[in-house]
Amino acid sequence: MMRRRNVKIIATLGPASNGKEKIRELFHAGADVFRLNMSHLNHEGLTRLHALIREVEAEEGRPIGILVDLQGPKLRVGEIADGAAMLEKGARFRLDLDPAPGDATRAPLPHPEIFAAVEVGQSLLLDDGKIRLRVTRTGADFAETEVVVGGRLTNRKGVNVPESVLPLKALTDKDLADFDKALELGVDWVALSFIQRPDDIAEARKIARGRVAVLGKIEKPQALVHLDEIIDISDAVMVARGDLGVELPLEEVPGWQKRITRGARRAGKPVVIATQMLESMIASPVPTRAEVSDVATAVFEGADAIMLSAESAAGQYPVEAVRMMNRVAESVEADPTYPGIIYSQRTEPEATGADAISAAAHSVADTLKAAAIVCWTNSGSTGLRAARERPLFPIVALTPIPATARRLALVWGLHCVLTEDAHDLDDIAERACRIAFQEGFAQPGQRIIVTAGLPLGTPGATNMLRVAFVGRKGSAAD
């Protein structure tokens, strides 16, 4: 199946989409990667969904990526007497370690690390920022606050601490168990939630040991301070606008979205835009005009992937949401302003052979009006470098390794095909032409640009560029 767009679509699976045929429908509608959210899954559910996705993949004959999203250190208040309490603006409110149910004057907060980190004058946010508190006094087991923005507080609502770096492990015990299960199953991507520093990603990479790609979710202000280092150490990043929009002033989020996207593009790392992209389609068969514009903005920026969360996991119209996102992406990429915007953000290649070859392939393909760039890749690095150039013609990534093809399903513009490794230089061009023809990217008489690394099978050694003519029945012609 050939997509008619470069940006990829990630669809979250959940109660509305956890059957095999629904997964197939979502794939046909445009989903390239499926997200499994461990905030709502146990290991049995994870195993079941993983197996169903792999069954659909085998039947459809195209690599499908699987992203496991770890819950992370989610902070919550405890129980409230009678289930809810009204916090009035200007009132005093205490948070402490006492497990007794709370009321309008206090609430249990079973996280001593918060009390160790917050300082007088800082803010605490409850229930996704609907309630705002200002700290007036702290101790080892409590924080006294003034209610700045009041509201109704109910059981187990989340707590955000936007102005402090919390002494929390990047991976909770639950995350570590979920991580191990994801590695056992052989998923393609693991996403880390609520990272604050590069060391959080480094810890995950030590556990992964190359068996899975690590995606850092940017959703805390503390991560923005170390943005370049986090991008550098991550395999990909996500602009997780949900919690980021809680902890930052809302008006700052669009600017940061652009900065994160452009920083990732400069580094040649995939970047995902997520949260509330088509939120109204949870209950409506059509999105708002503003949501369509939001999706379009991410596509114009050159994001590698755009993501649906509750829209596909728990909404009434999961397939329609994916189909709508696909239509918007196709329309944007066909817009006459799209090439100029994409090219305006292009960065100079790094001083490496792989980057030089990828940039040259783009330039030669552009000059010759080639039908496609075909890159042989084992580790995936050649495919990533080709995508970093954002060429406005197809990129076909050929690999003998299923795990590589599945990881690259997240990456802008890459059409991944599994094939046995080439035997020699002639086979590199011959098979590239044949597959480009079979997959519908090139016709007899057209030229393709072929890149590869020599010796064959050497990871990260892209050092060959060849112009090949597609002959009769797709064979390489002299």
Protein backbone atom coordinates (compact mmCIF):
# COMPACT_ATOMS: atom_id res chain seq x y z
CA MET A 1 0.00 0.00 0.00
CA MET A 2 1.49 3.32 -1.09
CA ARG A 3 0.65 6.41 0.98
CA ARG A 4 0.17 9.64 -0.90
CA ARG A 5 1.79 11.75 1.79
CA ASN A 6 5.12 12.07 3.59
CA VAL A 7 4.03 12.79 7.17
CA LYS A 8 3.16 9.67 9.15
CA ILE A 9 0.10 9.06 11.32
CA ILE A 10 0.20 7.47 14.78
CA ALA A 11 -3.11 6.10 16.11
CA THR A 12 -3.59 5.17 19.77
CA LEU A 13 -5.45 1.92 20.40
CA GLY A 14 -8.05 1.62 23.15
CA PRO A 15 -11.59 0.43 23.89
CA ALA A 16 -12.89 1.87 20.61
CA SER A 17 -10.20 0.22 18.50
CA ASN A 18 -8.83 -2.91 20.17
CA GLY A 19 -10.12 -5.55 17.74
CA LYS A 20 -8.20 -6.99 14.80
CA GLU A 21 -10.59 -5.78 12.11
CA LYS A 22 -10.72 -2.29 13.63
CA ILE A 23 -6.91 -2.18 13.62
CA ARG A 24 -7.00 -3.18 9.96
CA GLU A 25 -9.54 -0.43 9.23
CA LEU A 26 -7.31 2.13 10.95
CA PHE A 27 -4.32 0.94 8.89
CA HIS A 28 -6.28 1.23 5.66
CA ALA A 29 -7.53 4.68 6.71
CA GLY A 30 -3.92 5.87 7.08
CA ALA A 31 -2.35 4.75 10.39
CA ASP A 32 1.36 3.92 10.00
CA VAL A 33 2.21 3.36 13.67
CA PHE A 34 0.04 2.20 16.58
CA ARG A 35 0.52 3.61 20.09
CA LEU A 36 -0.14 1.42 23.11
CA ASN A 37 -0.61 3.56 26.21
CA MET A 38 0.59 1.83 29.39
CA SER A 39 -1.44 4.24 31.52
CA HIS A 40 -4.44 2.15 30.48
CA LEU A 41 -2.97 -1.28 29.69
CA ASN A 42 -1.74 -4.27 31.67
CA HIS A 43 0.73 -6.80 30.29
CA GLU A 44 -2.02 -9.13 29.09
CA GLY A 45 -3.61 -6.31 27.10
CA LEU A 46 -0.24 -5.21 25.72
CA THR A 47 0.57 -8.75 24.57
CA ARG A 48 -2.83 -9.16 22.94
CA LEU A 49 -2.68 -5.88 20.99
CA HIS A 50 0.91 -6.50 19.93
CA ALA A 51 -0.09 -9.88 18.49
CA LEU A 52 -3.08 -8.43 16.64
CA ILE A 53 -0.99 -5.67 15.05
CA ARG A 54 1.61 -8.20 13.91
CA GLU A 55 -1.15 -10.37 12.41
CA VAL A 56 -2.50 -7.41 10.44
CA GLU A 57 1.04 -6.53 9.37
CA ALA A 58 1.68 -10.04 8.05
CA GLU A 59 -1.62 -10.12 6.17
CA GLU A 60 -1.17 -6.64 4.67
CA GLY A 61 2.48 -7.18 3.72
CA ARG A 62 3.70 -3.78 4.92
CA PRO A 63 5.79 -2.95 8.02
CA ILE A 64 3.77 -1.37 10.85
CA GLY A 65 5.41 0.38 13.80
CA ILE A 66 4.41 -0.20 17.43
CA LEU A 67 5.02 2.55 20.03
CA VAL A 68 4.68 1.66 23.72
CA ASP A 69 4.10 4.81 25.78
CA LEU A 70 5.25 4.38 29.40
CA GLN A 71 3.13 6.08 32.08
CA GLY A 72 5.99 7.81 33.86
CA PRO A 73 5.94 9.29 37.38
CA LYS A 74 2.34 10.48 37.47
CA LEU A 75 1.71 12.62 40.57
CA ARG A 76 -1.76 12.67 42.11
CA VAL A 77 -3.53 13.86 45.24
CA GLY A 78 -5.20 11.22 47.41
CA GLU A 79 -8.85 10.72 48.29
CA ILE A 80 -11.25 13.56 49.07
CA ALA A 81 -14.06 13.08 51.62
CA ASP A 82 -17.43 12.75 49.86
CA GLY A 83 -15.52 12.52 46.58
CA ALA A 84 -15.06 16.27 46.02
CA ALA A 85 -14.31 19.61 47.72
CA MET A 86 -14.63 23.20 46.53
CA LEU A 87 -11.46 25.28 46.84
CA GLU A 88 -12.22 29.01 47.06
CA LYS A 89 -9.92 31.68 45.69
CA GLY A 90 -7.82 33.26 48.46
CA ALA A 91 -8.35 30.38 50.90
CA ARG A 92 -5.50 28.56 52.63
CA PHE A 93 -4.99 24.97 51.53
CA ARG A 94 -2.56 22.37 52.88
CA LEU A 95 -1.06 19.36 51.13
CA ASP A 96 0.60 16.72 53.32
CA LEU A 97 1.50 13.06 53.75
CA ASP A 98 -1.43 12.30 56.08
CA PRO A 99 -3.49 9.65 54.20
CA ALA A 100 -6.77 10.79 55.79
CA PRO A 101 -9.33 11.94 53.17
CA GLY A 102 -9.10 15.62 52.31
CA ASP A 103 -11.60 18.47 52.35
CA ALA A 104 -11.74 22.16 51.42
CA THR A 105 -8.77 22.95 53.71
CA ARG A 106 -6.32 20.09 53.00
CA ALA A 107 -5.65 17.02 50.87
CA PRO A 108 -3.27 14.07 51.04
CA LEU A 109 -0.34 14.20 48.63
CA PRO A 110 1.67 10.95 48.90
CA HIS A 111 4.77 12.32 47.18
CA PRO A 112 7.42 13.54 49.66
CA GLU A 113 9.69 14.40 46.72
CA ILE A 114 7.37 17.31 45.92
CA PHE A 115 7.77 18.77 49.43
CA ALA A 116 11.54 18.37 49.13
CA ALA A 117 11.62 20.34 45.87
CA VAL A 118 9.05 23.15 46.02
CA GLU A 119 9.92 26.56 47.40
CA VAL A 120 7.90 29.45 48.78
CA GLY A 121 6.37 31.48 45.95
CA GLN A 122 6.26 28.63 43.47
CA SER A 123 3.07 27.26 41.93
CA LEU A 124 1.36 23.90 42.21
CA LEU A 125 -1.26 22.97 39.62
CA LEU A 126 -4.09 20.52 40.26
CA ASP A 127 -6.42 18.79 37.79
CA ASP A 128 -4.56 19.74 34.57
CA GLY A 129 -4.08 23.30 35.78
CA LYS A 130 -7.73 24.02 36.50
CA ILE A 131 -6.75 24.77 40.11
CA ARG A 132 -3.65 26.87 40.85
CA LEU A 133 -1.98 27.11 44.26
CA ARG A 134 0.89 29.35 45.43
CA VAL A 135 3.21 27.88 48.07
CA THR A 136 3.44 29.97 51.26
CA ARG A 137 5.30 27.57 53.58
CA THR A 138 6.99 24.17 53.25
CA GLY A 139 8.28 21.37 55.41
CA ALA A 140 9.56 17.84 54.98
CA ASP A 141 6.03 16.45 54.92
CA PHE A 142 3.76 19.34 53.93
CA ALA A 143 3.23 22.44 51.84
CA GLU A 144 0.90 25.24 52.86
CA THR A 145 -0.54 27.19 49.94
CA GLU A 146 -2.90 29.98 48.96
CA VAL A 147 -5.57 29.20 46.36
CA VAL A 148 -4.90 31.49 43.37
CA VAL A 149 -7.45 29.89 41.06
CA GLY A 150 -10.14 27.87 42.78
CA GLY A 151 -12.31 25.03 41.62
CA ARG A 152 -13.79 21.64 42.41
CA LEU A 153 -11.15 19.11 43.48
CA THR A 154 -12.05 15.43 43.18
CA ASN A 155 -10.29 12.16 44.02
CA ARG A 156 -6.90 11.28 42.51
CA LYS A 157 -6.50 14.40 40.37
CA GLY A 158 -3.08 15.04 38.87
CA VAL A 159 -0.51 17.45 40.29
CA ASN A 160 1.94 19.47 38.20
CA VAL A 161 5.01 21.20 39.60
CA PRO A 162 6.12 23.49 36.75
CA GLU A 163 8.83 25.48 38.53
CA SER A 164 10.87 22.73 40.21
CA VAL A 165 13.06 19.87 39.08
CA LEU A 166 11.71 16.94 41.06
CA PRO A 167 14.10 14.30 42.45
CA LEU A 168 12.17 11.55 40.68
CA LYS A 169 13.41 8.50 38.85
CA ALA A 170 12.72 8.73 35.14
CA LEU A 171 11.33 5.20 35.25
CA THR A 172 9.03 4.05 38.03
CA ASP A 173 8.83 0.40 39.10
CA LYS A 174 5.75 0.05 36.90
CA ASP A 175 7.62 1.61 33.97
CA LEU A 176 10.52 -0.79 34.40
CA ALA A 177 8.19 -3.79 34.38
CA ASP A 178 6.35 -2.43 31.34
CA PHE A 179 9.67 -1.69 29.61
CA ASP A 180 10.83 -5.27 30.15
CA LYS A 181 7.58 -6.60 28.70
CA ALA A 182 7.86 -4.32 25.69
CA LEU A 183 11.42 -5.56 25.06
CA GLU A 184 10.27 -9.16 25.43
CA LEU A 185 7.58 -8.64 22.80
CA GLY A 186 9.93 -6.83 20.44
CA VAL A 187 8.14 -3.50 20.02
CA ASP A 188 9.73 -0.81 17.89
CA TRP A 189 9.56 2.36 19.98
CA VAL A 190 9.30 3.12 23.71
CA ALA A 191 8.20 6.61 24.76
CA LEU A 192 9.38 8.12 28.06
CA SER A 193 6.91 10.40 29.85
CA PHE A 194 7.69 13.47 31.99
CA ILE A 195 11.42 13.55 31.30
CA GLN A 196 13.27 16.46 32.91
CA ARG A 197 16.91 15.99 31.91
CA PRO A 198 19.11 14.14 29.39
CA ASP A 199 20.04 11.58 32.05
CA ASP A 200 16.43 10.35 31.98
CA ILE A 201 16.87 9.31 28.35
CA ALA A 202 20.33 7.89 29.04
CA GLU A 203 18.86 5.59 31.71
CA ALA A 204 16.31 4.22 29.23
CA ARG A 205 18.93 3.73 26.53
CA LYS A 206 21.05 1.65 28.91
CA ILE A 207 18.08 -0.65 29.43
CA ALA A 208 17.19 -0.75 25.74
CA ARG A 209 20.74 -1.60 24.55
CA GLY A 210 19.67 -0.96 20.98
CA ARG A 211 16.79 -3.42 21.08
CA VAL A 212 14.20 -0.65 20.85
CA ALA A 213 14.26 3.01 19.80
CA VAL A 214 13.72 5.53 22.62
CA LEU A 215 11.42 8.53 22.15
CA GLY A 216 11.58 11.42 24.62
CA LYS A 217 8.28 13.18 25.32
CA ILE A 218 8.75 16.90 25.85
CA GLU A 219 6.01 17.84 28.30
CA LYS A 220 7.75 19.62 31.17
CA PRO A 221 9.39 23.07 31.22
CA GLN A 222 12.50 21.54 32.78
CA ALA A 223 13.05 19.51 29.60
CA LEU A 224 13.04 22.68 27.51
CA VAL A 225 16.10 23.94 29.41
CA HIS A 226 18.02 20.90 28.12
CA LEU A 227 16.23 20.60 24.78
CA ASP A 228 19.29 20.28 22.52
CA GLU A 229 20.90 17.64 24.74
CA ILE A 230 17.64 15.68 24.96
CA ILE A 231 17.19 15.73 21.19
CA ASP A 232 20.80 14.64 20.76
CA ILE A 233 20.51 11.61 23.04
CA SER A 234 17.00 10.54 21.98
CA ASP A 235 16.13 8.50 18.89
CA ALA A 236 13.07 10.74 18.44
CA VAL A 237 11.11 13.36 20.39
CA MET A 238 7.44 14.15 20.86
CA VAL A 239 5.83 17.53 21.46
CA ALA A 240 3.36 16.31 24.11
CA ARG A 241 1.18 19.38 24.27
CA GLY A 242 -1.14 18.09 27.00
CA ASP A 243 1.02 18.46 30.09
CA LEU A 244 3.27 21.00 28.36
CA GLY A 245 0.20 23.22 27.97
CA VAL A 246 -0.57 22.81 31.66
CA GLU A 247 2.87 23.70 32.96
CA LEU A 248 3.62 26.48 30.46
CA PRO A 249 1.46 29.50 29.69
CA LEU A 250 -0.78 28.32 26.86
CA GLU A 251 0.33 31.11 24.55
CA GLU A 252 3.93 29.84 24.68
CA VAL A 253 3.15 26.30 23.49
CA PRO A 254 2.89 27.04 19.72
CA GLY A 255 6.29 28.73 19.73
CA TRP A 256 7.88 25.84 21.56
CA GLN A 257 6.22 23.40 19.16
CA LYS A 258 8.01 25.12 16.29
CA ARG A 259 11.34 25.29 18.13
CA ILE A 260 11.24 21.62 19.08
CA THR A 261 10.23 20.60 15.56
CA ARG A 262 12.99 22.61 13.94
CA GLY A 263 15.58 21.47 16.48
CA ALA A 264 14.75 17.84 15.77
CA ARG A 265 14.83 18.41 12.02
CA ARG A 266 18.27 20.02 12.25
CA ALA A 267 19.52 17.02 14.20
CA GLY A 268 17.95 14.54 11.78
CA LYS A 269 15.78 13.07 14.55
CA PRO A 270 12.09 12.21 14.01
CA VAL A 271 9.62 14.53 15.74
CA VAL A 272 5.99 13.77 16.62
CA ILE A 273 3.26 16.35 17.30
CA ALA A 274 0.62 15.06 19.73
CA THR A 275 -2.42 15.87 21.88
CA GLN A 276 -5.88 17.17 20.99
CA MET A 277 -5.21 17.36 17.27
CA LEU A 278 -8.77 16.34 16.38
CA GLU A 279 -10.20 16.38 19.92
CA SER A 280 -13.78 17.16 18.91
CA MET A 281 -13.90 13.94 16.84
CA ILE A 282 -14.11 11.98 20.09
CA ALA A 283 -17.83 12.77 19.93
CA SER A 284 -18.34 14.33 16.49
CA PRO A 285 -17.92 12.85 12.99
CA VAL A 286 -16.26 16.08 11.81
CA PRO A 287 -13.52 18.22 13.42
CA THR A 288 -13.55 21.95 14.02
CA ARG A 289 -11.91 24.24 11.49
CA ALA A 290 -9.33 25.21 14.10
CA GLU A 291 -8.35 21.55 14.61
CA VAL A 292 -7.87 21.06 10.88
CA SER A 293 -5.65 24.14 10.85
CA ASP A 294 -3.67 22.74 13.79
CA VAL A 295 -2.99 19.48 11.96
CA ALA A 296 -2.07 21.41 8.82
CA THR A 297 0.42 23.57 10.75
CA ALA A 298 2.28 20.47 11.96
CA VAL A 299 2.43 19.13 8.40
CA PHE A 300 3.65 22.46 7.01
CA GLU A 301 6.38 22.48 9.68
CA GLY A 302 7.70 19.17 8.39
CA ALA A 303 6.91 17.05 11.46
CA ASP A 304 7.65 13.38 10.92
CA ALA A 305 4.40 12.21 12.48
CA ILE A 306 1.11 13.51 13.85
CA MET A 307 -0.72 11.58 16.54
CA LEU A 308 -4.26 10.77 17.60
CA SER A 309 -4.87 9.90 21.26
CA ALA A 310 -8.42 9.60 22.65
CA GLU A 311 -9.80 10.27 19.17
CA SER A 312 -8.82 6.78 18.00
CA ALA A 313 -8.60 5.05 21.40
CA ALA A 314 -11.93 5.93 23.02
CA GLY A 315 -13.84 8.11 20.58
CA GLN A 316 -17.00 7.33 18.68
CA TYR A 317 -15.32 7.84 15.28
CA PRO A 318 -11.80 6.32 15.38
CA VAL A 319 -11.56 5.37 11.71
CA GLU A 320 -13.08 8.65 10.58
CA ALA A 321 -10.51 10.55 12.69
CA VAL A 322 -7.59 8.75 11.01
CA ARG A 323 -9.18 9.23 7.61
CA MET A 324 -9.65 12.96 8.27
CA MET A 325 -6.04 13.37 9.41
CA ASN A 326 -4.90 11.55 6.27
CA ARG A 327 -7.01 13.83 4.05
CA VAL A 328 -5.68 16.99 5.70
CA ALA A 329 -2.08 15.79 5.34
CA GLU A 330 -2.52 14.90 1.67
CA SER A 331 -4.15 18.27 0.95
CA VAL A 332 -1.39 20.25 2.71
CA GLU A 333 1.40 18.41 0.90
CA ALA A 334 -0.33 19.10 -2.44
CA ASP A 335 -0.62 22.81 -1.65
CA PRO A 336 1.57 25.05 -3.86
CA THR A 337 3.01 26.80 -0.78
CA TYR A 338 4.20 23.54 0.80
CA PRO A 339 7.53 23.10 -1.08
CA GLY A 340 8.69 26.62 -0.27
CA ILE A 341 7.91 26.26 3.43
CA ILE A 342 9.60 22.86 3.68
CA TYR A 343 12.70 23.99 1.78
CA SER A 344 13.02 27.19 3.78
CA GLN A 345 13.80 25.14 6.90
CA ARG A 346 16.36 22.90 5.24
CA THR A 347 19.68 22.85 7.06
CA GLU A 348 23.18 22.25 5.77
CA PRO A 349 24.35 18.62 5.92
CA GLU A 350 26.75 17.63 8.65
CA ALA A 351 30.38 17.03 7.73
CA THR A 352 30.03 13.26 7.35
CA GLY A 353 30.12 11.01 4.34
CA ALA A 354 26.58 9.77 4.98
CA ASP A 355 25.18 13.30 5.13
CA ALA A 356 27.10 14.38 2.05
CA ILE A 357 25.78 11.42 0.04
CA SER A 358 22.21 12.04 1.22
CA ALA A 359 22.40 15.73 0.31
CA ALA A 360 23.92 14.87 -3.06
CA ALA A 361 21.18 12.31 -3.73
CA HIS A 362 18.57 15.01 -3.10
CA SER A 363 20.35 17.46 -5.40
CA VAL A 364 20.88 14.94 -8.21
CA ALA A 365 17.31 13.68 -7.99
CA ASP A 366 16.03 17.24 -8.14
CA THR A 367 18.19 18.08 -11.17
CA LEU A 368 17.29 14.89 -13.09
CA LYS A 369 13.63 14.90 -12.02
CA ALA A 370 14.14 11.37 -10.77
CA ALA A 371 11.14 9.23 -9.93
CA ALA A 372 12.45 8.29 -6.47
CA ILE A 373 15.41 7.97 -4.15
CA VAL A 374 16.00 4.35 -3.18
CA CYS A 375 18.23 3.82 -0.15
CA TRP A 376 19.56 0.55 1.17
CA THR A 377 19.68 0.62 4.96
CA ASN A 378 20.43 -1.95 7.66
CA SER A 379 20.49 0.11 10.84
CA GLY A 380 18.09 2.75 9.51
CA SER A 381 20.62 5.59 9.54
CA THR A 382 20.67 5.91 5.73
CA GLY A 383 16.89 6.21 5.71
CA LEU A 384 16.97 8.84 8.44
CA ARG A 385 19.54 10.91 6.54
CA ALA A 386 17.51 10.71 3.35
CA ALA A 387 14.40 11.87 5.23
CA ARG A 388 16.31 14.73 6.90
CA GLU A 389 16.71 16.29 3.45
CA ARG A 390 12.89 16.41 3.04
CA PRO A 391 12.95 15.76 -0.74
CA LEU A 392 9.59 16.26 -2.43
CA PHE A 393 9.71 12.97 -4.28
CA PRO A 394 9.40 9.44 -2.87
CA ILE A 395 12.03 7.80 -0.69
CA VAL A 396 11.99 4.00 -0.79
CA ALA A 397 13.93 2.42 2.08
CA LEU A 398 15.05 -1.16 1.39
CA THR A 399 16.17 -3.30 4.30
CA PRO A 400 16.53 -7.01 5.12
CA ILE A 401 15.77 -6.36 8.81
CA PRO A 402 12.08 -6.26 9.90
CA ALA A 403 12.86 -4.26 13.05
CA THR A 404 14.50 -1.52 10.97
CA ALA A 405 11.54 -1.29 8.59
CA ARG A 406 9.11 -1.04 11.51
CA ARG A 407 11.09 1.71 13.26
CA LEU A 408 11.31 3.71 10.05
CA ALA A 409 7.52 3.56 9.68
CA LEU A 410 7.55 6.62 12.01
CA VAL A 411 9.88 8.65 9.79
CA TRP A 412 8.84 11.33 7.28
CA GLY A 413 8.59 10.24 3.68
CA LEU A 414 10.01 6.71 4.01
CA HIS A 415 8.24 3.89 2.21
CA CYS A 416 9.83 0.81 3.77
CA VAL A 417 10.16 -2.48 1.91
CA LEU A 418 11.59 -5.71 3.31
CA THR A 419 13.96 -7.48 0.93
CA GLU A 420 17.00 -9.71 1.25
CA ASP A 421 20.33 -7.92 1.29
CA ALA A 422 21.95 -7.14 -2.06
CA HIS A 423 24.70 -9.49 -3.26
CA ASP A 424 26.87 -7.06 -5.20
CA LEU A 425 26.92 -3.63 -6.85
CA ASP A 426 24.81 -4.72 -9.83
CA ASP A 427 22.24 -6.32 -7.54
CA ILE A 428 21.98 -3.05 -5.56
CA ALA A 429 20.77 -1.18 -8.66
CA GLU A 430 18.84 -4.09 -10.19
CA ARG A 431 16.74 -4.74 -7.12
CA ALA A 432 16.26 -1.02 -6.41
CA CYS A 433 14.80 -0.54 -9.90
CA ARG A 434 12.60 -3.61 -9.69
CA ILE A 435 11.16 -2.72 -6.29
CA ALA A 436 10.61 0.93 -7.22
CA PHE A 437 8.67 -0.32 -10.26
CA GLN A 438 6.70 -2.96 -8.33
CA GLU A 439 5.77 -0.54 -5.58
CA GLY A 440 4.46 1.98 -8.12
CA PHE A 441 7.09 4.69 -7.68
CA ALA A 442 8.87 4.43 -11.03
CA GLN A 443 7.98 3.47 -14.60
CA PRO A 444 10.19 2.09 -17.40
CA GLY A 445 12.34 4.88 -18.84
CA GLN A 446 12.48 6.84 -15.60
CA ARG A 447 15.57 7.33 -13.47
CA ILE A 448 16.01 6.61 -9.79
CA ILE A 449 18.81 7.61 -7.41
CA VAL A 450 20.25 4.72 -5.42
CA THR A 451 22.29 5.12 -2.22
CA ALA A 452 23.94 2.41 -0.16
CA GLY A 453 26.84 1.69 2.14
CA LEU A 454 29.87 -0.31 1.06
CA PRO A 455 30.91 -2.87 2.14
CA LEU A 456 27.31 -4.11 1.98
CA GLY A 457 25.61 -4.49 5.34
CA THR A 458 27.91 -2.08 7.16
CA PRO A 459 25.75 0.06 9.50
CA GLY A 460 25.99 3.83 8.99
CA ALA A 461 28.45 3.60 6.08
CA THR A 462 26.46 5.35 3.34
CA ASN A 463 29.11 6.10 0.74
CA MET A 464 27.68 5.19 -2.68
CA LEU A 465 25.36 7.08 -5.03
CA ARG A 466 24.24 5.74 -8.40
CA VAL A 467 21.83 6.91 -11.07
CA ALA A 468 19.89 3.96 -12.51
CA PHE A 469 17.41 3.74 -15.38
CA VAL A 470 14.32 1.61 -14.90
CA GLY A 471 14.08 -0.76 -17.85
CA ARG A 472 11.35 -3.05 -19.12
CA LYS A 473 9.47 -4.87 -16.36
CA GLY A 474 11.41 -2.80 -13.83
CA SER A 475 14.90 -4.14 -14.45
CA ALA A 476 17.91 -1.84 -14.34
CA ALA A 477 18.88 -0.56 -17.80
CA ASP A 478 22.29 0.72 -18.88
